[in-house]
Amino acid sequence: MMVVLATSAFATAWVAGRKDTNFPPRPINLQLDLNLASETELSLVPGIGQITARRIVENRNRLGDFDSVGQVVRVHGIGPKTLDQVQNLCFVAEPSSQGRLAGRLGETETPRR
């Protein structure tokens, strides 16, 4: 038991020391298009975990693209609190004349919030 406690204390001190000196916290700078983002990308947004990210993608596939970020509340599990977090990190690009494929190929589109 003493070995486990000593090892645990050493690991905690080592991680804390490393975190403070080598890895300073940085703000997250995400800008994701709700109509193009993958489950993995969406799960990086605070307030959206893997399950909600999967629901967003399934909803998008079943009902079609989102017209605005606010429309994400149609997804089960997303309410006003999550929407507030999502609005700062996500956008919905206006469809180009060539459709969704143009956005995937990197053409510039005007984001809608």
PDB file of N, CA and C in Angstrom:
ATOM      1  N   MET A   1       0.818  -1.185   0.000  1.00  0.00           N
ATOM      2  CA  MET A   1       0.000   0.000   0.000  1.00  0.00           C
ATOM      3  C   MET A   1       0.863   1.251   0.000  1.00  0.00           C
ATOM      4  N   MET A   2       1.970   1.241   0.762  1.00  0.00           N
ATOM      5  CA  MET A   2       2.844   2.403   0.811  1.00  0.00           C
ATOM      6  C   MET A   2       3.514   2.644  -0.535  1.00  0.00           C
ATOM      7  N   VAL A   3       3.807   1.590  -1.272  1.00  0.00           N
ATOM      8  CA  VAL A   3       4.431   1.728  -2.574  1.00  0.00           C
ATOM      9  C   VAL A   3       3.479   2.434  -3.538  1.00  0.00           C
ATOM     10  N   VAL A   4       2.231   2.053  -3.500  1.00  0.00           N
ATOM     11  CA  VAL A   4       1.241   2.673  -4.374  1.00  0.00           C
ATOM     12  C   VAL A   4       1.102   4.151  -4.047  1.00  0.00           C
ATOM     13  N   LEU A   5       1.034   4.496  -2.778  1.00  0.00           N
ATOM     14  CA  LEU A   5       0.904   5.896  -2.387  1.00  0.00           C
ATOM     15  C   LEU A   5       2.134   6.695  -2.791  1.00  0.00           C
ATOM     16  N   ALA A   6       3.317   6.120  -2.590  1.00  0.00           N
ATOM     17  CA  ALA A   6       4.543   6.816  -2.957  1.00  0.00           C
ATOM     18  C   ALA A   6       4.611   7.005  -4.470  1.00  0.00           C
ATOM     19  N   THR A   7       4.254   5.987  -5.222  1.00  0.00           N
ATOM     20  CA  THR A   7       4.270   6.078  -6.671  1.00  0.00           C
ATOM     21  C   THR A   7       3.244   7.098  -7.147  1.00  0.00           C
ATOM     22  N   SER A   8       2.071   7.074  -6.545  1.00  0.00           N
ATOM     23  CA  SER A   8       1.025   8.012  -6.921  1.00  0.00           C
ATOM     24  C   SER A   8       1.452   9.449  -6.624  1.00  0.00           C
ATOM     25  N   ALA A   9       2.057   9.672  -5.476  1.00  0.00           N
ATOM     26  CA  ALA A   9       2.514  11.011  -5.113  1.00  0.00           C
ATOM     27  C   ALA A   9       3.608  11.472  -6.075  1.00  0.00           C
ATOM     28  N   PHE A  10       4.537  10.583  -6.433  1.00  0.00           N
ATOM     29  CA  PHE A  10       5.600  10.927  -7.367  1.00  0.00           C
ATOM     30  C   PHE A  10       5.026  11.285  -8.731  1.00  0.00           C
ATOM     31  N   ALA A  11       4.074  10.478  -9.223  1.00  0.00           N
ATOM     32  CA  ALA A  11       3.468  10.736 -10.528  1.00  0.00           C
ATOM     33  C   ALA A  11       2.723  12.063 -10.527  1.00  0.00           C
ATOM     34  N   THR A  12       2.006  12.357  -9.440  1.00  0.00           N
ATOM     35  CA  THR A  12       1.278  13.621  -9.343  1.00  0.00           C
ATOM     36  C   THR A  12       2.243  14.795  -9.359  1.00  0.00           C
ATOM     37  N   ALA A  13       3.315  14.708  -8.597  1.00  0.00           N
ATOM     38  CA  ALA A  13       4.300  15.791  -8.562  1.00  0.00           C
ATOM     39  C   ALA A  13       4.964  15.959  -9.920  1.00  0.00           C
ATOM     40  N   TRP A  14       5.285  14.862 -10.584  1.00  0.00           N
ATOM     41  CA  TRP A  14       5.936  14.929 -11.892  1.00  0.00           C
ATOM     42  C   TRP A  14       5.008  15.553 -12.925  1.00  0.00           C
ATOM     43  N   VAL A  15       3.749  15.114 -12.972  1.00  0.00           N
ATOM     44  CA  VAL A  15       2.791  15.656 -13.930  1.00  0.00           C
ATOM     45  C   VAL A  15       2.539  17.133 -13.644  1.00  0.00           C
ATOM     46  N   ALA A  16       2.347  17.479 -12.383  1.00  0.00           N
ATOM     47  CA  ALA A  16       2.093  18.877 -12.032  1.00  0.00           C
ATOM     48  C   ALA A  16       3.283  19.747 -12.411  1.00  0.00           C
ATOM     49  N   GLY A  17       4.481  19.264 -12.161  1.00  0.00           N
ATOM     50  CA  GLY A  17       5.680  20.021 -12.516  1.00  0.00           C
ATOM     51  C   GLY A  17       5.802  20.200 -14.013  1.00  0.00           C
ATOM     52  N   ARG A  18       5.523  19.154 -14.750  1.00  0.00           N
ATOM     53  CA  ARG A  18       5.591  19.234 -16.210  1.00  0.00           C
ATOM     54  C   ARG A  18       4.539  20.162 -16.774  1.00  0.00           C
ATOM     55  N   LYS A  19       3.360  20.064 -16.228  1.00  0.00           N
ATOM     56  CA  LYS A  19       2.272  20.891 -16.725  1.00  0.00           C
ATOM     57  C   LYS A  19       2.585  22.373 -16.526  1.00  0.00           C
ATOM     58  N   ASP A  20       3.121  22.705 -15.370  1.00  0.00           N
ATOM     59  CA  ASP A  20       3.393  24.104 -15.058  1.00  0.00           C
ATOM     60  C   ASP A  20       4.552  24.672 -15.866  1.00  0.00           C
ATOM     61  N   THR A  21       5.564  23.866 -16.155  1.00  0.00           N
ATOM     62  CA  THR A  21       6.758  24.408 -16.786  1.00  0.00           C
ATOM     63  C   THR A  21       6.831  24.203 -18.293  1.00  0.00           C
ATOM     64  N   ASN A  22       6.322  23.091 -18.788  1.00  0.00           N
ATOM     65  CA  ASN A  22       6.492  22.773 -20.205  1.00  0.00           C
ATOM     66  C   ASN A  22       5.262  22.970 -21.067  1.00  0.00           C
ATOM     67  N   PHE A  23       4.097  22.980 -20.472  1.00  0.00           N
ATOM     68  CA  PHE A  23       2.874  23.048 -21.251  1.00  0.00           C
ATOM     69  C   PHE A  23       1.942  24.127 -20.709  1.00  0.00           C
ATOM     70  N   PRO A  24       2.231  25.396 -20.981  1.00  0.00           N
ATOM     71  CA  PRO A  24       1.339  26.432 -20.478  1.00  0.00           C
ATOM     72  C   PRO A  24      -0.021  26.331 -21.165  1.00  0.00           C
ATOM     73  N   PRO A  25      -1.094  26.639 -20.432  1.00  0.00           N
ATOM     74  CA  PRO A  25      -2.418  26.548 -21.044  1.00  0.00           C
ATOM     75  C   PRO A  25      -2.576  27.563 -22.165  1.00  0.00           C
ATOM     76  N   ARG A  26      -3.260  27.148 -23.210  1.00  0.00           N
ATOM     77  CA  ARG A  26      -3.522  28.019 -24.348  1.00  0.00           C
ATOM     78  C   ARG A  26      -5.017  28.039 -24.623  1.00  0.00           C
ATOM     79  N   PRO A  27      -5.535  29.172 -25.069  1.00  0.00           N
ATOM     80  CA  PRO A  27      -6.960  29.200 -25.395  1.00  0.00           C
ATOM     81  C   PRO A  27      -7.248  28.359 -26.638  1.00  0.00           C
ATOM     82  N   ILE A  28      -8.424  27.775 -26.671  1.00  0.00           N
ATOM     83  CA  ILE A  28      -8.838  26.982 -27.822  1.00  0.00           C
ATOM     84  C   ILE A  28      -9.303  27.928 -28.913  1.00  0.00           C
ATOM     85  N   ASN A  29      -8.809  27.725 -30.120  1.00  0.00           N
ATOM     86  CA  ASN A  29      -9.193  28.564 -31.240  1.00  0.00           C
ATOM     87  C   ASN A  29      -9.784  27.681 -32.340  1.00  0.00           C
ATOM     88  N   LEU A  30     -11.038  27.292 -32.134  1.00  0.00           N
ATOM     89  CA  LEU A  30     -11.728  26.450 -33.105  1.00  0.00           C
ATOM     90  C   LEU A  30     -12.687  27.286 -33.934  1.00  0.00           C
ATOM     91  N   GLN A  31     -12.831  26.950 -35.170  1.00  0.00           N
ATOM     92  CA  GLN A  31     -13.871  27.494 -36.036  1.00  0.00           C
ATOM     93  C   GLN A  31     -14.320  26.346 -36.927  1.00  0.00           C
ATOM     94  N   LEU A  32     -15.420  25.721 -36.561  1.00  0.00           N
ATOM     95  CA  LEU A  32     -15.897  24.546 -37.279  1.00  0.00           C
ATOM     96  C   LEU A  32     -17.196  24.847 -38.009  1.00  0.00           C
ATOM     97  N   ASP A  33     -17.289  24.400 -39.250  1.00  0.00           N
ATOM     98  CA  ASP A  33     -18.538  24.483 -40.001  1.00  0.00           C
ATOM     99  C   ASP A  33     -19.393  23.291 -39.574  1.00  0.00           C
ATOM    100  N   LEU A  34     -20.556  23.564 -39.003  1.00  0.00           N
ATOM    101  CA  LEU A  34     -21.426  22.488 -38.531  1.00  0.00           C
ATOM    102  C   LEU A  34     -21.835  21.527 -39.635  1.00  0.00           C
ATOM    103  N   ASN A  35     -21.823  21.980 -40.870  1.00  0.00           N
ATOM    104  CA  ASN A  35     -22.232  21.123 -41.975  1.00  0.00           C
ATOM    105  C   ASN A  35     -21.093  20.293 -42.550  1.00  0.00           C
ATOM    106  N   LEU A  36     -19.879  20.569 -42.151  1.00  0.00           N
ATOM    107  CA  LEU A  36     -18.735  19.829 -42.681  1.00  0.00           C
ATOM    108  C   LEU A  36     -17.934  19.089 -41.610  1.00  0.00           C
ATOM    109  N   ALA A  37     -18.090  19.474 -40.356  1.00  0.00           N
ATOM    110  CA  ALA A  37     -17.278  18.907 -39.271  1.00  0.00           C
ATOM    111  C   ALA A  37     -17.615  17.441 -39.025  1.00  0.00           C
ATOM    112  N   SER A  38     -16.583  16.680 -38.707  1.00  0.00           N
ATOM    113  CA  SER A  38     -16.741  15.260 -38.391  1.00  0.00           C
ATOM    114  C   SER A  38     -17.134  15.107 -36.921  1.00  0.00           C
ATOM    115  N   GLU A  39     -17.503  13.896 -36.541  1.00  0.00           N
ATOM    116  CA  GLU A  39     -17.800  13.612 -35.129  1.00  0.00           C
ATOM    117  C   GLU A  39     -16.608  13.958 -34.252  1.00  0.00           C
ATOM    118  N   THR A  40     -15.419  13.580 -34.683  1.00  0.00           N
ATOM    119  CA  THR A  40     -14.208  13.839 -33.909  1.00  0.00           C
ATOM    120  C   THR A  40     -13.989  15.332 -33.719  1.00  0.00           C
ATOM    121  N   GLU A  41     -14.141  16.100 -34.778  1.00  0.00           N
ATOM    122  CA  GLU A  41     -13.950  17.551 -34.685  1.00  0.00           C
ATOM    123  C   GLU A  41     -15.000  18.177 -33.769  1.00  0.00           C
ATOM    124  N   LEU A  42     -16.252  17.769 -33.917  1.00  0.00           N
ATOM    125  CA  LEU A  42     -17.315  18.331 -33.089  1.00  0.00           C
ATOM    126  C   LEU A  42     -17.123  17.996 -31.614  1.00  0.00           C
ATOM    127  N   SER A  43     -16.564  16.832 -31.318  1.00  0.00           N
ATOM    128  CA  SER A  43     -16.362  16.444 -29.918  1.00  0.00           C
ATOM    129  C   SER A  43     -15.316  17.304 -29.220  1.00  0.00           C
ATOM    130  N   LEU A  44     -14.542  18.093 -29.963  1.00  0.00           N
ATOM    131  CA  LEU A  44     -13.562  19.008 -29.366  1.00  0.00           C
ATOM    132  C   LEU A  44     -14.199  20.276 -28.819  1.00  0.00           C
ATOM    133  N   VAL A  45     -15.416  20.566 -29.223  1.00  0.00           N
ATOM    134  CA  VAL A  45     -16.110  21.769 -28.768  1.00  0.00           C
ATOM    135  C   VAL A  45     -16.573  21.560 -27.334  1.00  0.00           C
ATOM    136  N   PRO A  46     -16.236  22.492 -26.421  1.00  0.00           N
ATOM    137  CA  PRO A  46     -16.707  22.361 -25.033  1.00  0.00           C
ATOM    138  C   PRO A  46     -18.232  22.268 -24.988  1.00  0.00           C
ATOM    139  N   GLY A  47     -18.726  21.330 -24.191  1.00  0.00           N
ATOM    140  CA  GLY A  47     -20.166  21.134 -24.082  1.00  0.00           C
ATOM    141  C   GLY A  47     -20.696  20.066 -25.019  1.00  0.00           C
ATOM    142  N   ILE A  48     -19.864  19.631 -25.973  1.00  0.00           N
ATOM    143  CA  ILE A  48     -20.268  18.576 -26.906  1.00  0.00           C
ATOM    144  C   ILE A  48     -19.301  17.414 -26.733  1.00  0.00           C
ATOM    145  N   GLY A  49     -19.821  16.303 -26.284  1.00  0.00           N
ATOM    146  CA  GLY A  49     -19.004  15.106 -26.156  1.00  0.00           C
ATOM    147  C   GLY A  49     -19.183  14.224 -27.377  1.00  0.00           C
ATOM    148  N   GLN A  50     -18.694  13.005 -27.267  1.00  0.00           N
ATOM    149  CA  GLN A  50     -18.764  12.074 -28.389  1.00  0.00           C
ATOM    150  C   GLN A  50     -20.197  11.724 -28.766  1.00  0.00           C
ATOM    151  N   ILE A  51     -21.057  11.553 -27.771  1.00  0.00           N
ATOM    152  CA  ILE A  51     -22.438  11.166 -28.047  1.00  0.00           C
ATOM    153  C   ILE A  51     -23.180  12.290 -28.750  1.00  0.00           C
ATOM    154  N   THR A  52     -23.037  13.519 -28.249  1.00  0.00           N
ATOM    155  CA  THR A  52     -23.727  14.650 -28.875  1.00  0.00           C
ATOM    156  C   THR A  52     -23.162  14.917 -30.266  1.00  0.00           C
ATOM    157  N   ALA A  53     -21.850  14.763 -30.431  1.00  0.00           N
ATOM    158  CA  ALA A  53     -21.241  14.943 -31.750  1.00  0.00           C
ATOM    159  C   ALA A  53     -21.830  13.936 -32.739  1.00  0.00           C
ATOM    160  N   ARG A  54     -22.007  12.707 -32.301  1.00  0.00           N
ATOM    161  CA  ARG A  54     -22.605  11.678 -33.163  1.00  0.00           C
ATOM    162  C   ARG A  54     -24.041  12.062 -33.510  1.00  0.00           C
ATOM    163  N   ARG A  55     -24.783  12.567 -32.523  1.00  0.00           N
ATOM    164  CA  ARG A  55     -26.169  12.979 -32.775  1.00  0.00           C
ATOM    165  C   ARG A  55     -26.228  14.130 -33.789  1.00  0.00           C
ATOM    166  N   ILE A  56     -25.289  15.066 -33.706  1.00  0.00           N
ATOM    167  CA  ILE A  56     -25.259  16.192 -34.647  1.00  0.00           C
ATOM    168  C   ILE A  56     -25.068  15.678 -36.068  1.00  0.00           C
ATOM    169  N   VAL A  57     -24.101  14.797 -36.247  1.00  0.00           N
ATOM    170  CA  VAL A  57     -23.817  14.260 -37.588  1.00  0.00           C
ATOM    171  C   VAL A  57     -24.999  13.433 -38.090  1.00  0.00           C
ATOM    172  N   GLU A  58     -25.584  12.593 -37.233  1.00  0.00           N
ATOM    173  CA  GLU A  58     -26.741  11.791 -37.635  1.00  0.00           C
ATOM    174  C   GLU A  58     -27.923  12.683 -38.013  1.00  0.00           C
ATOM    175  N   ASN A  59     -28.146  13.735 -37.226  1.00  0.00           N
ATOM    176  CA  ASN A  59     -29.232  14.668 -37.498  1.00  0.00           C
ATOM    177  C   ASN A  59     -29.011  15.379 -38.828  1.00  0.00           C
ATOM    178  N   ARG A  60     -27.790  15.800 -39.056  1.00  0.00           N
ATOM    179  CA  ARG A  60     -27.427  16.478 -40.308  1.00  0.00           C
ATOM    180  C   ARG A  60     -27.634  15.551 -41.506  1.00  0.00           C
ATOM    181  N   ASN A  61     -27.265  14.293 -41.348  1.00  0.00           N
ATOM    182  CA  ASN A  61     -27.438  13.329 -42.438  1.00  0.00           C
ATOM    183  C   ASN A  61     -28.910  13.014 -42.695  1.00  0.00           C
ATOM    184  N   ARG A  62     -29.708  12.969 -41.618  1.00  0.00           N
ATOM    185  CA  ARG A  62     -31.115  12.609 -41.742  1.00  0.00           C
ATOM    186  C   ARG A  62     -31.983  13.781 -42.223  1.00  0.00           C
ATOM    187  N   LEU A  63     -31.758  14.990 -41.673  1.00  0.00           N
ATOM    188  CA  LEU A  63     -32.633  16.134 -41.968  1.00  0.00           C
ATOM    189  C   LEU A  63     -32.021  17.154 -42.920  1.00  0.00           C
ATOM    190  N   GLY A  64     -30.751  16.994 -43.231  1.00  0.00           N
ATOM    191  CA  GLY A  64     -30.089  17.945 -44.123  1.00  0.00           C
ATOM    192  C   GLY A  64     -29.242  18.946 -43.348  1.00  0.00           C
ATOM    193  N   ASP A  65     -28.532  19.748 -44.092  1.00  0.00           N
ATOM    194  CA  ASP A  65     -27.614  20.726 -43.507  1.00  0.00           C
ATOM    195  C   ASP A  65     -28.327  21.716 -42.602  1.00  0.00           C
ATOM    196  N   PHE A  66     -27.574  22.274 -41.681  1.00  0.00           N
ATOM    197  CA  PHE A  66     -28.072  23.330 -40.816  1.00  0.00           C
ATOM    198  C   PHE A  66     -28.064  24.637 -41.601  1.00  0.00           C
ATOM    199  N   ASP A  67     -29.103  25.447 -41.438  1.00  0.00           N
ATOM    200  CA  ASP A  67     -29.175  26.743 -42.095  1.00  0.00           C
ATOM    201  C   ASP A  67     -28.477  27.826 -41.277  1.00  0.00           C
ATOM    202  N   SER A  68     -28.363  27.585 -39.967  1.00  0.00           N
ATOM    203  CA  SER A  68     -27.691  28.520 -39.064  1.00  0.00           C
ATOM    204  C   SER A  68     -27.185  27.739 -37.858  1.00  0.00           C
ATOM    205  N   VAL A  69     -26.304  28.342 -37.091  1.00  0.00           N
ATOM    206  CA  VAL A  69     -25.789  27.674 -35.890  1.00  0.00           C
ATOM    207  C   VAL A  69     -26.930  27.448 -34.901  1.00  0.00           C
ATOM    208  N   GLY A  70     -27.841  28.402 -34.806  1.00  0.00           N
ATOM    209  CA  GLY A  70     -28.963  28.276 -33.880  1.00  0.00           C
ATOM    210  C   GLY A  70     -29.833  27.056 -34.136  1.00  0.00           C
ATOM    211  N   GLN A  71     -29.817  26.558 -35.338  1.00  0.00           N
ATOM    212  CA  GLN A  71     -30.630  25.406 -35.695  1.00  0.00           C
ATOM    213  C   GLN A  71     -30.112  24.110 -35.070  1.00  0.00           C
ATOM    214  N   VAL A  72     -28.929  24.146 -34.483  1.00  0.00           N
ATOM    215  CA  VAL A  72     -28.369  22.940 -33.872  1.00  0.00           C
ATOM    216  C   VAL A  72     -29.201  22.495 -32.662  1.00  0.00           C
ATOM    217  N   VAL A  73     -30.068  23.362 -32.147  1.00  0.00           N
ATOM    218  CA  VAL A  73     -30.922  22.962 -31.024  1.00  0.00           C
ATOM    219  C   VAL A  73     -31.935  21.894 -31.426  1.00  0.00           C
ATOM    220  N   ARG A  74     -32.073  21.611 -32.711  1.00  0.00           N
ATOM    221  CA  ARG A  74     -32.956  20.522 -33.154  1.00  0.00           C
ATOM    222  C   ARG A  74     -32.376  19.163 -32.778  1.00  0.00           C
ATOM    223  N   VAL A  75     -31.119  19.139 -32.360  1.00  0.00           N
ATOM    224  CA  VAL A  75     -30.445  17.897 -31.966  1.00  0.00           C
ATOM    225  C   VAL A  75     -30.746  17.611 -30.498  1.00  0.00           C
ATOM    226  N   HIS A  76     -31.203  16.389 -30.221  1.00  0.00           N
ATOM    227  CA  HIS A  76     -31.487  15.973 -28.849  1.00  0.00           C
ATOM    228  C   HIS A  76     -30.250  16.163 -27.975  1.00  0.00           C
ATOM    229  N   GLY A  77     -30.412  16.823 -26.841  1.00  0.00           N
ATOM    230  CA  GLY A  77     -29.304  17.024 -25.913  1.00  0.00           C
ATOM    231  C   GLY A  77     -28.658  18.392 -26.016  1.00  0.00           C
ATOM    232  N   ILE A  78     -29.075  19.203 -26.978  1.00  0.00           N
ATOM    233  CA  ILE A  78     -28.522  20.547 -27.105  1.00  0.00           C
ATOM    234  C   ILE A  78     -29.607  21.550 -26.768  1.00  0.00           C
ATOM    235  N   GLY A  79     -29.323  22.329 -25.733  1.00  0.00           N
ATOM    236  CA  GLY A  79     -30.245  23.372 -25.301  1.00  0.00           C
ATOM    237  C   GLY A  79     -29.549  24.718 -25.333  1.00  0.00           C
ATOM    238  N   PRO A  80     -30.143  25.716 -24.696  1.00  0.00           N
ATOM    239  CA  PRO A  80     -29.596  27.072 -24.720  1.00  0.00           C
ATOM    240  C   PRO A  80     -28.166  27.180 -24.168  1.00  0.00           C
ATOM    241  N   LYS A  81     -27.863  26.425 -23.122  1.00  0.00           N
ATOM    242  CA  LYS A  81     -26.528  26.497 -22.515  1.00  0.00           C
ATOM    243  C   LYS A  81     -25.457  25.998 -23.491  1.00  0.00           C
ATOM    244  N   THR A  82     -25.697  24.864 -24.111  1.00  0.00           N
ATOM    245  CA  THR A  82     -24.745  24.321 -25.086  1.00  0.00           C
ATOM    246  C   THR A  82     -24.680  25.208 -26.315  1.00  0.00           C
ATOM    247  N   LEU A  83     -25.811  25.733 -26.742  1.00  0.00           N
ATOM    248  CA  LEU A  83     -25.839  26.613 -27.899  1.00  0.00           C
ATOM    249  C   LEU A  83     -24.947  27.831 -27.679  1.00  0.00           C
ATOM    250  N   ASP A  84     -24.959  28.386 -26.463  1.00  0.00           N
ATOM    251  CA  ASP A  84     -24.088  29.532 -26.167  1.00  0.00           C
ATOM    252  C   ASP A  84     -22.616  29.190 -26.386  1.00  0.00           C
ATOM    253  N   GLN A  85     -22.217  27.987 -25.996  1.00  0.00           N
ATOM    254  CA  GLN A  85     -20.827  27.568 -26.180  1.00  0.00           C
ATOM    255  C   GLN A  85     -20.515  27.306 -27.650  1.00  0.00           C
ATOM    256  N   VAL A  86     -21.452  26.702 -28.355  1.00  0.00           N
ATOM    257  CA  VAL A  86     -21.251  26.335 -29.753  1.00  0.00           C
ATOM    258  C   VAL A  86     -21.174  27.570 -30.651  1.00  0.00           C
ATOM    259  N   GLN A  87     -21.973  28.585 -30.355  1.00  0.00           N
ATOM    260  CA  GLN A  87     -22.048  29.762 -31.218  1.00  0.00           C
ATOM    261  C   GLN A  87     -20.708  30.466 -31.386  1.00  0.00           C
ATOM    262  N   ASN A  88     -19.848  30.399 -30.389  1.00  0.00           N
ATOM    263  CA  ASN A  88     -18.553  31.067 -30.479  1.00  0.00           C
ATOM    264  C   ASN A  88     -17.503  30.255 -31.227  1.00  0.00           C
ATOM    265  N   LEU A  89     -17.749  28.975 -31.407  1.00  0.00           N
ATOM    266  CA  LEU A  89     -16.738  28.102 -31.996  1.00  0.00           C
ATOM    267  C   LEU A  89     -17.154  27.479 -33.333  1.00  0.00           C
ATOM    268  N   CYS A  90     -18.419  27.629 -33.680  1.00  0.00           N
ATOM    269  CA  CYS A  90     -18.923  27.011 -34.902  1.00  0.00           C
ATOM    270  C   CYS A  90     -19.612  28.045 -35.779  1.00  0.00           C
ATOM    271  N   PHE A  91     -19.738  27.706 -37.043  1.00  0.00           N
ATOM    272  CA  PHE A  91     -20.443  28.551 -37.997  1.00  0.00           C
ATOM    273  C   PHE A  91     -21.090  27.656 -39.041  1.00  0.00           C
ATOM    274  N   VAL A  92     -21.940  28.254 -39.844  1.00  0.00           N
ATOM    275  CA  VAL A  92     -22.546  27.566 -40.975  1.00  0.00           C
ATOM    276  C   VAL A  92     -22.266  28.435 -42.186  1.00  0.00           C
ATOM    277  N   ALA A  93     -21.523  27.883 -43.127  1.00  0.00           N
ATOM    278  CA  ALA A  93     -21.164  28.636 -44.329  1.00  0.00           C
ATOM    279  C   ALA A  93     -22.355  28.683 -45.278  1.00  0.00           C
ATOM    280  N   GLU A  94     -22.505  29.801 -45.953  1.00  0.00           N
ATOM    281  CA  GLU A  94     -23.545  29.898 -46.973  1.00  0.00           C
ATOM    282  C   GLU A  94     -23.165  28.970 -48.114  1.00  0.00           C
ATOM    283  N   PRO A  95     -24.117  28.234 -48.632  1.00  0.00           N
ATOM    284  CA  PRO A  95     -23.784  27.328 -49.734  1.00  0.00           C
ATOM    285  C   PRO A  95     -23.335  28.110 -50.963  1.00  0.00           C
ATOM    286  N   SER A  96     -22.290  27.616 -51.595  1.00  0.00           N
ATOM    287  CA  SER A  96     -21.810  28.256 -52.815  1.00  0.00           C
ATOM    288  C   SER A  96     -22.644  27.767 -53.987  1.00  0.00           C
ATOM    289  N   SER A  97     -22.422  28.328 -55.138  1.00  0.00           N
ATOM    290  CA  SER A  97     -23.182  27.914 -56.317  1.00  0.00           C
ATOM    291  C   SER A  97     -22.866  26.468 -56.704  1.00  0.00           C
ATOM    292  N   GLN A  98     -21.738  25.941 -56.197  1.00  0.00           N
ATOM    293  CA  GLN A  98     -21.356  24.569 -56.522  1.00  0.00           C
ATOM    294  C   GLN A  98     -21.737  23.584 -55.422  1.00  0.00           C
ATOM    295  N   GLY A  99     -22.390  24.068 -54.372  1.00  0.00           N
ATOM    296  CA  GLY A  99     -22.871  23.181 -53.321  1.00  0.00           C
ATOM    297  C   GLY A  99     -21.829  22.868 -52.266  1.00  0.00           C
ATOM    298  N   ARG A 100     -22.128  21.841 -51.463  1.00  0.00           N
ATOM    299  CA  ARG A 100     -21.295  21.476 -50.328  1.00  0.00           C
ATOM    300  C   ARG A 100     -19.891  21.067 -50.714  1.00  0.00           C
ATOM    301  N   LEU A 101     -19.713  20.449 -51.856  1.00  0.00           N
ATOM    302  CA  LEU A 101     -18.403  19.962 -52.272  1.00  0.00           C
ATOM    303  C   LEU A 101     -17.412  21.108 -52.368  1.00  0.00           C
ATOM    304  N   ALA A 102     -17.856  22.277 -52.770  1.00  0.00           N
ATOM    305  CA  ALA A 102     -16.962  23.431 -52.887  1.00  0.00           C
ATOM    306  C   ALA A 102     -16.348  23.758 -51.538  1.00  0.00           C
ATOM    307  N   GLY A 103     -17.134  23.687 -50.464  1.00  0.00           N
ATOM    308  CA  GLY A 103     -16.614  23.956 -49.126  1.00  0.00           C
ATOM    309  C   GLY A 103     -15.576  22.938 -48.702  1.00  0.00           C
ATOM    310  N   ARG A 104     -15.784  21.711 -49.082  1.00  0.00           N
ATOM    311  CA  ARG A 104     -14.813  20.671 -48.735  1.00  0.00           C
ATOM    312  C   ARG A 104     -13.514  20.835 -49.508  1.00  0.00           C
ATOM    313  N   LEU A 105     -13.592  21.455 -50.670  1.00  0.00           N
ATOM    314  CA  LEU A 105     -12.393  21.633 -51.476  1.00  0.00           C
ATOM    315  C   LEU A 105     -11.648  22.918 -51.144  1.00  0.00           C
ATOM    316  N   GLY A 106     -12.163  23.685 -50.179  1.00  0.00           N
ATOM    317  CA  GLY A 106     -11.428  24.844 -49.712  1.00  0.00           C
ATOM    318  C   GLY A 106     -11.805  26.167 -50.334  1.00  0.00           C
ATOM    319  N   GLU A 107     -12.857  26.238 -51.135  1.00  0.00           N
ATOM    320  CA  GLU A 107     -13.273  27.522 -51.684  1.00  0.00           C
ATOM    321  C   GLU A 107     -13.803  28.393 -50.553  1.00  0.00           C
ATOM    322  N   THR A 108     -13.602  29.683 -50.657  1.00  0.00           N
ATOM    323  CA  THR A 108     -14.046  30.563 -49.601  1.00  0.00           C
ATOM    324  C   THR A 108     -15.560  30.751 -49.673  1.00  0.00           C
ATOM    325  N   GLU A 109     -16.165  30.755 -48.506  1.00  0.00           N
ATOM    326  CA  GLU A 109     -17.584  30.949 -48.373  1.00  0.00           C
ATOM    327  C   GLU A 109     -17.824  31.935 -47.244  1.00  0.00           C
ATOM    328  N   THR A 110     -18.907  32.632 -47.255  1.00  0.00           N
ATOM    329  CA  THR A 110     -19.219  33.591 -46.215  1.00  0.00           C
ATOM    330  C   THR A 110     -19.887  32.857 -45.054  1.00  0.00           C
ATOM    331  N   PRO A 111     -19.290  32.915 -43.840  1.00  0.00           N
ATOM    332  CA  PRO A 111     -19.888  32.225 -42.703  1.00  0.00           C
ATOM    333  C   PRO A 111     -21.141  32.939 -42.202  1.00  0.00           C
ATOM    334  N   ARG A 112     -22.126  32.150 -41.761  1.00  0.00           N
ATOM    335  CA  ARG A 112     -23.335  32.674 -41.136  1.00  0.00           C
ATOM    336  C   ARG A 112     -23.340  32.227 -39.696  1.00  0.00           C
ATOM    337  N   ARG A 113     -23.802  33.074 -38.821  1.00  0.00           N
ATOM    338  CA  ARG A 113     -23.894  32.718 -37.397  1.00  0.00           C
ATOM    339  C   ARG A 113     -25.319  32.688 -36.951  1.00  0.00           C
TER     340      ARG A 113
END
